[in-house]
C-alpha atoms as a PDB file:
ATOM      1  CA  MET A   1     -19.472 -15.381  24.578  1.00  0.00           C
ATOM      2  CA  SER A   2     -19.793 -16.723  20.963  1.00  0.00           C
ATOM      3  CA  ASP A   3     -18.931 -14.518  17.974  1.00  0.00           C
ATOM      4  CA  ILE A   4     -22.576 -13.877  16.938  1.00  0.00           C
ATOM      5  CA  GLU A   5     -23.593 -13.021  20.604  1.00  0.00           C
ATOM      6  CA  LYS A   6     -20.846 -10.345  20.652  1.00  0.00           C
ATOM      7  CA  VAL A   7     -22.267  -9.045  17.305  1.00  0.00           C
ATOM      8  CA  LYS A   8     -25.719  -8.902  18.714  1.00  0.00           C
ATOM      9  CA  GLN A   9     -24.294  -6.953  21.828  1.00  0.00           C
ATOM     10  CA  LEU A  10     -22.109  -4.683  19.927  1.00  0.00           C
ATOM     11  CA  ARG A  11     -25.309  -3.670  17.521  1.00  0.00           C
ATOM     12  CA  LYS A  12     -27.342  -3.371  20.637  1.00  0.00           C
ATOM     13  CA  SER A  13     -24.787  -1.094  22.190  1.00  0.00           C
ATOM     14  CA  THR A  14     -23.885   1.114  19.114  1.00  0.00           C
ATOM     15  CA  GLY A  15     -26.940   0.816  16.811  1.00  0.00           C
ATOM     16  CA  ALA A  16     -24.314   0.063  13.955  1.00  0.00           C
ATOM     17  CA  GLY A  17     -25.533  -2.538  11.202  1.00  0.00           C
ATOM     18  CA  PHE A  18     -24.448  -6.318  11.108  1.00  0.00           C
ATOM     19  CA  LYS A  19     -21.533  -6.313   8.764  1.00  0.00           C
ATOM     20  CA  ASP A  20     -19.903  -3.112  10.374  1.00  0.00           C
ATOM     21  CA  CYS A  21     -19.981  -4.854  13.674  1.00  0.00           C
ATOM     22  CA  ASN A  22     -18.701  -7.976  12.487  1.00  0.00           C
ATOM     23  CA  ALA A  23     -15.808  -6.149  10.741  1.00  0.00           C
ATOM     24  CA  ALA A  24     -15.243  -4.087  14.068  1.00  0.00           C
ATOM     25  CA  LEU A  25     -14.880  -7.255  16.199  1.00  0.00           C
ATOM     26  CA  LYS A  26     -12.525  -8.813  13.813  1.00  0.00           C
ATOM     27  CA  GLU A  27     -10.407  -5.751  13.537  1.00  0.00           C
ATOM     28  CA  SER A  28     -10.169  -5.612  17.437  1.00  0.00           C
ATOM     29  CA  ASN A  29      -9.891  -9.552  18.013  1.00  0.00           C
ATOM     30  CA  GLY A  30     -13.077  -9.644  19.843  1.00  0.00           C
ATOM     31  CA  ASP A  31     -12.673  -6.880  22.371  1.00  0.00           C
ATOM     32  CA  LEU A  32     -16.263  -5.292  22.640  1.00  0.00           C
ATOM     33  CA  ASP A  33     -14.751  -2.018  24.140  1.00  0.00           C
ATOM     34  CA  LYS A  34     -12.538  -1.686  21.355  1.00  0.00           C
ATOM     35  CA  ALA A  35     -14.655  -2.442  18.693  1.00  0.00           C
ATOM     36  CA  ALA A  36     -17.172  -0.026  19.822  1.00  0.00           C
ATOM     37  CA  GLU A  37     -14.474   2.685  19.634  1.00  0.00           C
ATOM     38  CA  ILE A  38     -13.331   1.603  16.139  1.00  0.00           C
ATOM     39  CA  LEU A  39     -17.113   1.793  15.178  1.00  0.00           C
ATOM     40  CA  ARG A  40     -17.513   5.320  17.086  1.00  0.00           C
ATOM     41  CA  VAL A  41     -14.376   6.799  15.016  1.00  0.00           C
ATOM     42  CA  LYS A  42     -15.883   5.040  11.814  1.00  0.00           C
ATOM     43  CA  GLY A  43     -19.036   6.622  12.339  1.00  0.00           C
ATOM     44  CA  ILE A  44     -17.538  10.133  12.729  1.00  0.00           C
ATOM     45  CA  ALA A  45     -15.710   9.490   9.684  1.00  0.00           C
ATOM     46  CA  LYS A  46     -18.864   8.484   7.804  1.00  0.00           C
ATOM     47  CA  ALA A  47     -20.468  11.320   9.215  1.00  0.00           C
ATOM     48  CA  SER A  48     -18.178  13.856   8.117  1.00  0.00           C
ATOM     49  CA  LYS A  49     -18.293  12.648   4.592  1.00  0.00           C
ATOM     50  CA  LYS A  50     -22.129  13.140   4.277  1.00  0.00           C
ATOM     51  CA  MET A  51     -22.160  16.801   5.857  1.00  0.00           C
ATOM     52  CA  ASP A  52     -21.407  18.480   2.469  1.00  0.00           C
ATOM     53  CA  ARG A  53     -24.541  17.166   1.077  1.00  0.00           C
ATOM     54  CA  SER A  54     -27.814  19.112   1.038  1.00  0.00           C
ATOM     55  CA  ALA A  55     -30.567  18.307   3.763  1.00  0.00           C
ATOM     56  CA  LYS A  56     -33.625  19.931   2.726  1.00  0.00           C
ATOM     57  CA  GLU A  57     -36.025  17.505   3.957  1.00  0.00           C
ATOM     58  CA  GLY A  58     -36.999  16.853   7.577  1.00  0.00           C
ATOM     59  CA  VAL A  59     -39.488  17.330  10.238  1.00  0.00           C
ATOM     60  CA  ILE A  60     -40.723  19.977  12.944  1.00  0.00           C
ATOM     61  CA  VAL A  61     -41.333  18.659  16.355  1.00  0.00           C
ATOM     62  CA  THR A  62     -42.893  20.564  18.945  1.00  0.00           C
ATOM     63  CA  SER A  63     -42.717  19.874  22.892  1.00  0.00           C
ATOM     64  CA  GLY A  64     -43.846  21.446  26.267  1.00  0.00           C
ATOM     65  CA  ASN A  65     -47.191  22.907  27.545  1.00  0.00           C
ATOM     66  CA  GLU A  66     -49.345  25.848  27.639  1.00  0.00           C
ATOM     67  CA  LYS A  67     -46.641  27.892  29.815  1.00  0.00           C
ATOM     68  CA  LYS A  68     -43.580  26.858  28.092  1.00  0.00           C
ATOM     69  CA  MET A  69     -43.567  25.221  24.496  1.00  0.00           C
ATOM     70  CA  SER A  70     -40.660  24.856  22.027  1.00  0.00           C
ATOM     71  CA  PHE A  71     -40.391  23.897  18.185  1.00  0.00           C
ATOM     72  CA  LEU A  72     -37.353  22.153  16.875  1.00  0.00           C
ATOM     73  CA  GLU A  73     -36.304  21.470  13.219  1.00  0.00           C
ATOM     74  CA  VAL A  74     -34.418  18.581  12.233  1.00  0.00           C
ATOM     75  CA  ASN A  75     -33.424  18.296   8.697  1.00  0.00           C
ATOM     76  CA  CYS A  76     -32.519  15.106   6.360  1.00  0.00           C
ATOM     77  CA  GLU A  77     -31.940  14.403   2.750  1.00  0.00           C
ATOM     78  CA  THR A  78     -34.991  12.748   1.778  1.00  0.00           C
ATOM     79  CA  ASP A  79     -38.657  12.502   2.861  1.00  0.00           C
ATOM     80  CA  PHE A  80     -38.101   8.541   2.930  1.00  0.00           C
ATOM     81  CA  VAL A  81     -35.783   9.265   6.118  1.00  0.00           C
ATOM     82  CA  ALA A  82     -38.290  11.930   7.672  1.00  0.00           C
ATOM     83  CA  LYS A  83     -40.526   8.740   8.254  1.00  0.00           C
ATOM     84  CA  ASN A  84     -37.902   6.351   9.536  1.00  0.00           C
ATOM     85  CA  GLU A  85     -38.715   4.937  12.883  1.00  0.00           C
ATOM     86  CA  ASP A  86     -35.184   5.427  14.125  1.00  0.00           C
ATOM     87  CA  PHE A  87     -35.155   9.005  13.135  1.00  0.00           C
ATOM     88  CA  ILE A  88     -38.471   9.850  14.740  1.00  0.00           C
ATOM     89  CA  GLU A  89     -37.658   8.356  17.941  1.00  0.00           C
ATOM     90  CA  PHE A  90     -34.500  10.180  18.042  1.00  0.00           C
ATOM     91  CA  VAL A  91     -36.290  13.621  17.202  1.00  0.00           C
ATOM     92  CA  LYS A  92     -38.881  13.252  19.713  1.00  0.00           C
ATOM     93  CA  GLU A  93     -36.637  12.906  22.648  1.00  0.00           C
ATOM     94  CA  LEU A  94     -34.373  15.542  21.101  1.00  0.00           C
ATOM     95  CA  SER A  95     -37.449  17.832  21.155  1.00  0.00           C
ATOM     96  CA  ILE A  96     -38.085  17.210  24.997  1.00  0.00           C
ATOM     97  CA  LEU A  97     -34.696  17.823  25.591  1.00  0.00           C
ATOM     98  CA  ASN A  98     -34.755  21.128  23.403  1.00  0.00           C
ATOM     99  CA  ASN A  99     -37.679  22.332  25.344  1.00  0.00           C
ATOM    100  CA  GLU A 100     -35.709  21.924  28.749  1.00  0.00           C
ATOM    101  CA  HIS A 101     -32.644  23.784  27.347  1.00  0.00           C
ATOM    102  CA  SER A 102     -35.158  26.578  26.104  1.00  0.00           C
ATOM    103  CA  SER A 103     -33.697  26.185  22.387  1.00  0.00           C
ATOM    104  CA  ASN A 104     -29.868  26.964  23.428  1.00  0.00           C
ATOM    105  CA  LEU A 105     -28.500  24.543  20.642  1.00  0.00           C
ATOM    106  CA  GLU A 106     -25.061  24.677  21.906  1.00  0.00           C
ATOM    107  CA  SER A 107     -26.251  23.439  25.367  1.00  0.00           C
ATOM    108  CA  LEU A 108     -28.733  20.968  23.611  1.00  0.00           C
ATOM    109  CA  LYS A 109     -26.069  19.371  21.465  1.00  0.00           C
ATOM    110  CA  ASN A 110     -24.028  18.724  24.837  1.00  0.00           C
ATOM    111  CA  SER A 111     -26.745  17.268  26.795  1.00  0.00           C
ATOM    112  CA  LYS A 112     -27.078  13.596  27.695  1.00  0.00           C
ATOM    113  CA  MET A 113     -29.597  11.594  26.171  1.00  0.00           C
ATOM    114  CA  LYS A 114     -31.410   8.332  27.583  1.00  0.00           C
ATOM    115  CA  ASN A 115     -28.639   6.070  26.659  1.00  0.00           C
ATOM    116  CA  ASN A 116     -26.038   8.329  28.438  1.00  0.00           C
ATOM    117  CA  LYS A 117     -24.676   9.636  25.162  1.00  0.00           C
ATOM    118  CA  THR A 118     -24.349  13.260  24.289  1.00  0.00           C
ATOM    119  CA  VAL A 119     -26.767  14.619  21.555  1.00  0.00           C
ATOM    120  CA  ASP A 120     -23.900  15.115  19.255  1.00  0.00           C
ATOM    121  CA  GLU A 121     -22.583  11.367  19.621  1.00  0.00           C
ATOM    122  CA  ASN A 122     -26.039  10.118  18.944  1.00  0.00           C
ATOM    123  CA  LEU A 123     -26.415  12.203  16.055  1.00  0.00           C
ATOM    124  CA  ILE A 124     -23.185  11.124  14.462  1.00  0.00           C
ATOM    125  CA  ALA A 125     -24.318   7.350  15.295  1.00  0.00           C
ATOM    126  CA  LEU A 126     -27.778   8.167  13.378  1.00  0.00           C
ATOM    127  CA  ILE A 127     -26.211   9.689  10.393  1.00  0.00           C
ATOM    128  CA  ALA A 128     -23.705   6.535  10.085  1.00  0.00           C
ATOM    129  CA  LYS A 129     -26.374   3.983  10.607  1.00  0.00           C
ATOM    130  CA  ILE A 130     -29.316   5.720   8.269  1.00  0.00           C
ATOM    131  CA  GLY A 131     -26.718   6.891   5.656  1.00  0.00           C
ATOM    132  CA  GLU A 132     -27.778  10.623   5.205  1.00  0.00           C
ATOM    133  CA  LYS A 133     -26.879  14.018   6.253  1.00  0.00           C
ATOM    134  CA  ILE A 134     -28.918  15.094   9.707  1.00  0.00           C
ATOM    135  CA  THR A 135     -28.754  18.341  10.929  1.00  0.00           C
ATOM    136  CA  ILE A 136     -30.600  20.268  13.751  1.00  0.00           C
ATOM    137  CA  GLY A 137     -32.182  23.439  12.157  1.00  0.00           C
ATOM    138  CA  ARG A 138     -34.037  26.331  13.504  1.00  0.00           C
ATOM    139  CA  SER A 139     -35.597  26.261  17.025  1.00  0.00           C
ATOM    140  CA  LYS A 140     -37.522  28.517  19.387  1.00  0.00           C
ATOM    141  CA  THR A 141     -39.138  28.384  22.906  1.00  0.00           C
ATOM    142  CA  LEU A 142     -42.150  30.777  23.864  1.00  0.00           C
ATOM    143  CA  SER A 143     -42.443  31.042  27.580  1.00  0.00           C
ATOM    144  CA  TYR A 144     -44.454  34.258  29.068  1.00  0.00           C
ATOM    145  CA  GLU A 145     -45.693  35.021  32.301  1.00  0.00           C
ATOM    146  CA  THR A 146     -49.496  35.314  32.394  1.00  0.00           C
ATOM    147  CA  SER A 147     -49.754  33.662  29.296  1.00  0.00           C
ATOM    148  CA  ARG A 148     -51.125  30.372  27.204  1.00  0.00           C
ATOM    149  CA  ASN A 149     -49.432  28.632  24.322  1.00  0.00           C
ATOM    150  CA  PHE A 150     -51.528  27.169  21.599  1.00  0.00           C
ATOM    151  CA  VAL A 151     -50.012  24.605  18.877  1.00  0.00           C
ATOM    152  CA  TYR A 152     -51.163  23.678  15.636  1.00  0.00           C
ATOM    153  CA  GLN A 153     -49.508  20.819  13.475  1.00  0.00           C
ATOM    154  CA  HIS A 154     -49.999  20.295   9.937  1.00  0.00           C
ATOM    155  CA  SER A 155     -48.877  17.105   7.749  1.00  0.00           C
ATOM    156  CA  ILE A 156     -48.345  15.058  10.680  1.00  0.00           C
ATOM    157  CA  ILE A 157     -46.044  12.180  10.394  1.00  0.00           C
ATOM    158  CA  LYS A 158     -46.419  10.892  13.923  1.00  0.00           C
ATOM    159  CA  ASP A 159     -47.558  12.098  17.202  1.00  0.00           C
ATOM    160  CA  ASN A 160     -45.874  15.635  17.849  1.00  0.00           C
ATOM    161  CA  VAL A 161     -43.757  15.172  14.344  1.00  0.00           C
ATOM    162  CA  SER A 162     -44.798  17.189  11.368  1.00  0.00           C
ATOM    163  CA  LYS A 163     -44.075  19.095   8.257  1.00  0.00           C
ATOM    164  CA  LEU A 164     -45.401  22.533   9.706  1.00  0.00           C
ATOM    165  CA  ALA A 165     -46.012  23.870  13.109  1.00  0.00           C
ATOM    166  CA  VAL A 166     -47.295  27.038  14.623  1.00  0.00           C
ATOM    167  CA  ILE A 167     -47.156  27.982  18.320  1.00  0.00           C
ATOM    168  CA  VAL A 168     -48.905  31.241  19.577  1.00  0.00           C
ATOM    169  CA  SER A 169     -48.693  32.482  22.982  1.00  0.00           C
ATOM    170  CA  ILE A 170     -51.830  34.561  23.985  1.00  0.00           C
ATOM    171  CA  LYS A 171     -51.712  36.811  27.072  1.00  0.00           C
ATOM    172  CA  THR A 172     -54.724  35.528  29.296  1.00  0.00           C
ATOM    173  CA  LEU A 173     -55.047  33.753  32.574  1.00  0.00           C
ATOM    174  CA  GLU A 174     -58.630  32.928  31.875  1.00  0.00           C
ATOM    175  CA  LYS A 175     -59.332  29.108  31.136  1.00  0.00           C
ATOM    176  CA  ASN A 176     -62.647  28.374  29.259  1.00  0.00           C
ATOM    177  CA  LYS A 177     -63.929  27.146  25.915  1.00  0.00           C
ATOM    178  CA  LYS A 178     -64.029  30.435  24.212  1.00  0.00           C
ATOM    179  CA  ILE A 179     -60.454  31.074  24.597  1.00  0.00           C
ATOM    180  CA  ASP A 180     -59.442  27.386  23.817  1.00  0.00           C
ATOM    181  CA  VAL A 181     -61.294  27.230  20.676  1.00  0.00           C
ATOM    182  CA  PHE A 182     -60.083  30.729  19.673  1.00  0.00           C
ATOM    183  CA  GLY A 183     -56.494  29.896  20.480  1.00  0.00           C
ATOM    184  CA  LYS A 184     -56.600  26.640  18.173  1.00  0.00           C
ATOM    185  CA  GLN A 185     -58.228  28.460  15.582  1.00  0.00           C
ATOM    186  CA  LEU A 186     -55.734  31.175  15.650  1.00  0.00           C
ATOM    187  CA  SER A 187     -52.923  28.783  15.349  1.00  0.00           C
ATOM    188  CA  MET A 188     -54.740  27.237  12.130  1.00  0.00           C
ATOM    189  CA  HIS A 189     -55.216  31.001  10.821  1.00  0.00           C
ATOM    190  CA  ILE A 190     -51.347  31.386  11.038  1.00  0.00           C
ATOM    191  CA  ALA A 191     -50.568  28.208   9.238  1.00  0.00           C
ATOM    192  CA  ALA A 192     -52.839  28.926   6.346  1.00  0.00           C
ATOM    193  CA  SER A 193     -52.483  32.876   6.095  1.00  0.00           C
ATOM    194  CA  ASN A 194     -48.700  32.816   6.899  1.00  0.00           C
ATOM    195  CA  PRO A 195     -48.504  36.447   8.435  1.00  0.00           C
ATOM    196  CA  ILE A 196     -45.040  38.122   8.782  1.00  0.00           C
ATOM    197  CA  SER A 197     -46.124  40.162  12.172  1.00  0.00           C
ATOM    198  CA  ILE A 198     -48.839  40.873  14.529  1.00  0.00           C
ATOM    199  CA  ASN A 199     -49.303  44.665  13.684  1.00  0.00           C
ATOM    200  CA  SER A 200     -48.546  46.272  10.518  1.00  0.00           C
ATOM    201  CA  ASN A 201     -46.013  48.713  12.297  1.00  0.00           C
ATOM    202  CA  GLU A 202     -44.316  45.767  13.296  1.00  0.00           C
ATOM    203  CA  LEU A 203     -42.898  44.937   9.784  1.00  0.00           C
ATOM    204  CA  ASP A 204     -39.512  44.885   9.216  1.00  0.00           C
ATOM    205  CA  LYS A 205     -38.569  48.085   7.221  1.00  0.00           C
ATOM    206  CA  GLU A 206     -36.475  46.117   4.963  1.00  0.00           C
ATOM    207  CA  ILE A 207     -39.455  44.012   3.783  1.00  0.00           C
ATOM    208  CA  ILE A 208     -41.415  47.090   3.354  1.00  0.00           C
ATOM    209  CA  ASN A 209     -38.777  48.741   1.274  1.00  0.00           C
ATOM    210  CA  LYS A 210     -38.199  45.861  -0.805  1.00  0.00           C
ATOM    211  CA  GLU A 211     -41.886  45.700  -1.487  1.00  0.00           C
ATOM    212  CA  ILE A 212     -41.705  49.473  -2.280  1.00  0.00           C
ATOM    213  CA  ASN A 213     -39.296  48.762  -4.963  1.00  0.00           C
ATOM    214  CA  LEU A 214     -40.966  46.012  -6.608  1.00  0.00           C
ATOM    215  CA  ILE A 215     -44.115  48.443  -6.785  1.00  0.00           C
ATOM    216  CA  GLU A 216     -42.247  51.469  -8.212  1.00  0.00           C
ATOM    217  CA  GLU A 217     -40.577  48.987 -10.782  1.00  0.00           C
ATOM    218  CA  GLU A 218     -43.898  47.821 -11.635  1.00  0.00           C
ATOM    219  CA  LEU A 219     -45.322  51.268 -12.256  1.00  0.00           C
ATOM    220  CA  LYS A 220     -42.171  52.862 -13.562  1.00  0.00           C
ATOM    221  CA  ASN A 221     -43.287  52.226 -17.279  1.00  0.00           C
ATOM    222  CA  SER A 222     -47.116  52.528 -16.737  1.00  0.00           C
ATOM    223  CA  GLY A 223     -47.508  56.051 -18.491  1.00  0.00           C
ATOM    224  CA  LYS A 224     -49.717  57.449 -15.759  1.00  0.00           C
ATOM    225  CA  PRO A 225     -49.294  60.783 -13.950  1.00  0.00           C
ATOM    226  CA  GLU A 226     -46.716  61.010 -10.997  1.00  0.00           C
ATOM    227  CA  GLU A 227     -49.520  61.821  -8.730  1.00  0.00           C
ATOM    228  CA  ILE A 228     -51.848  58.893  -9.799  1.00  0.00           C
ATOM    229  CA  VAL A 229     -48.684  56.612  -9.658  1.00  0.00           C
ATOM    230  CA  LYS A 230     -48.096  57.764  -5.935  1.00  0.00           C
ATOM    231  CA  LYS A 231     -51.711  57.165  -5.076  1.00  0.00           C
ATOM    232  CA  ILE A 232     -51.540  53.583  -6.611  1.00  0.00           C
ATOM    233  CA  SER A 233     -48.092  52.825  -5.017  1.00  0.00           C
ATOM    234  CA  LEU A 234     -49.400  53.953  -1.586  1.00  0.00           C
ATOM    235  CA  GLY A 235     -52.473  51.902  -1.901  1.00  0.00           C
ATOM    236  CA  LYS A 236     -50.563  48.634  -2.863  1.00  0.00           C
ATOM    237  CA  ILE A 237     -48.071  49.052   0.147  1.00  0.00           C
ATOM    238  CA  ASN A 238     -51.048  49.514   2.321  1.00  0.00           C
ATOM    239  CA  LYS A 239     -52.530  46.643   1.077  1.00  0.00           C
ATOM    240  CA  PHE A 240     -49.433  44.626   1.583  1.00  0.00           C
ATOM    241  CA  LYS A 241     -49.201  45.582   5.175  1.00  0.00           C
ATOM    242  CA  ASP A 242     -52.753  44.512   5.748  1.00  0.00           C
ATOM    243  CA  GLU A 243     -52.153  41.041   4.082  1.00  0.00           C
ATOM    244  CA  ASN A 244     -49.020  40.318   6.105  1.00  0.00           C
ATOM    245  CA  SER A 245     -49.934  41.504   9.368  1.00  0.00           C
ATOM    246  CA  LEU A 246     -52.118  39.189  11.475  1.00  0.00           C
ATOM    247  CA  MET A 247     -54.663  41.579  12.977  1.00  0.00           C
ATOM    248  CA  THR A 248     -55.598  42.874   9.657  1.00  0.00           C
ATOM    249  CA  GLN A 249     -55.677  39.854   7.856  1.00  0.00           C
ATOM    250  CA  ASP A 250     -58.998  38.340   6.790  1.00  0.00           C
ATOM    251  CA  TRP A 251     -60.222  35.639   9.306  1.00  0.00           C
ATOM    252  CA  VAL A 252     -59.937  32.203   7.824  1.00  0.00           C
ATOM    253  CA  MET A 253     -63.055  30.836   9.497  1.00  0.00           C
ATOM    254  CA  ASP A 254     -64.834  34.046   8.219  1.00  0.00           C
ATOM    255  CA  PRO A 255     -63.309  35.987   5.553  1.00  0.00           C
ATOM    256  CA  LYS A 256     -65.752  39.107   6.140  1.00  0.00           C
ATOM    257  CA  SER A 257     -64.357  39.674   9.549  1.00  0.00           C
ATOM    258  CA  LYS A 258     -60.635  40.576  10.581  1.00  0.00           C
ATOM    259  CA  VAL A 259     -58.585  39.036  13.064  1.00  0.00           C
ATOM    260  CA  LYS A 260     -58.857  42.020  15.157  1.00  0.00           C
ATOM    261  CA  ASP A 261     -62.487  42.000  15.156  1.00  0.00           C
ATOM    262  CA  ILE A 262     -62.505  38.408  16.171  1.00  0.00           C
ATOM    263  CA  VAL A 263     -60.428  39.426  19.094  1.00  0.00           C
ATOM    264  CA  ASN A 264     -62.559  42.386  19.996  1.00  0.00           C
ATOM    265  CA  ASN A 265     -65.592  40.280  20.103  1.00  0.00           C
ATOM    266  CA  LEU A 266     -64.111  37.965  22.664  1.00  0.00           C
ATOM    267  CA  GLU A 267     -64.284  40.904  25.299  1.00  0.00           C
ATOM    268  CA  ILE A 268     -61.682  39.626  27.449  1.00  0.00           C
ATOM    269  CA  SER A 269     -59.882  42.160  29.497  1.00  0.00           C
ATOM    270  CA  ASN A 270     -56.034  42.480  29.251  1.00  0.00           C
ATOM    271  CA  PHE A 271     -55.978  40.016  26.130  1.00  0.00           C
ATOM    272  CA  GLU A 272     -52.965  40.189  23.787  1.00  0.00           C
ATOM    273  CA  ILE A 273     -51.244  38.169  21.375  1.00  0.00           C
ATOM    274  CA  ASN A 274     -47.828  38.135  22.430  1.00  0.00           C
ATOM    275  CA  GLU A 275     -45.858  36.211  19.835  1.00  0.00           C
ATOM    276  CA  PHE A 276     -46.312  33.804  17.112  1.00  0.00           C
ATOM    277  CA  VAL A 277     -43.876  31.176  15.202  1.00  0.00           C
ATOM    278  CA  ARG A 278     -44.813  29.425  12.047  1.00  0.00           C
ATOM    279  CA  ILE A 279     -42.145  26.950  10.548  1.00  0.00           C
ATOM    280  CA  LYS A 280     -42.561  24.844   7.676  1.00  0.00           C
ATOM    281  CA  ILE A 281     -39.962  22.304   6.134  1.00  0.00           C
ATOM    282  CA  GLY A 282     -38.705  23.737   2.751  1.00  0.00           C
ATOM    283  CA  GLU A 283     -39.251  27.357   3.676  1.00  0.00           C
END
């Protein structure tokens, strides 16, 4: 086998660049296995040097079906890499594995990809090849019995790869156009309105207390009587709860109605919103 053929084979098997493959073959005296190991070690070294850098760009990938669906966030340093073909192919395969492993990241990182190498090994190779820090970020799987998942993705880069994703799980076994339309619209509503919880009584107490402190600070020097200040404060916190709870938000398709009104008008028995997740790069 000629030197150039060895370089081609090494590039194909490792994904490393021409210069790195050529240098590794010289160092290994033409031994392909030794050259691959040299590249692997150098790849780890390259990757480790980049891991103290900031990775705030990236993509959200969704995989699954209406019974079980997952999202996975994969971060990188620049938007340019987020659109790189090698990066996109990696995250798409990774997302399928993530759904299979139900968003157990430890299990995911040790699982084998199509090339029979682990996710961690492929991640290191990709960092070495692309030259940016790449990390696996947030992840979640929604899977409920007697329920259906609906998904919406915004700022799509390619197929199921985007900058923002919403998955919402709705408790119903019915399959009809009315539910299909509502499920899609609800996921779009969540993307636009960014609710914190489904109902106001489910809002995190820490979030409520933080908002109360901000309101009290705002009204502290208003000069109004204490009784009036209490009424204003109560009104503001109730408004905050309504605006940040899905069921009491104004429906984006018809702001004169609340989400709960749209749900009630569906007139479907045992209908319930189990859970939703909304994730956006940079938030």
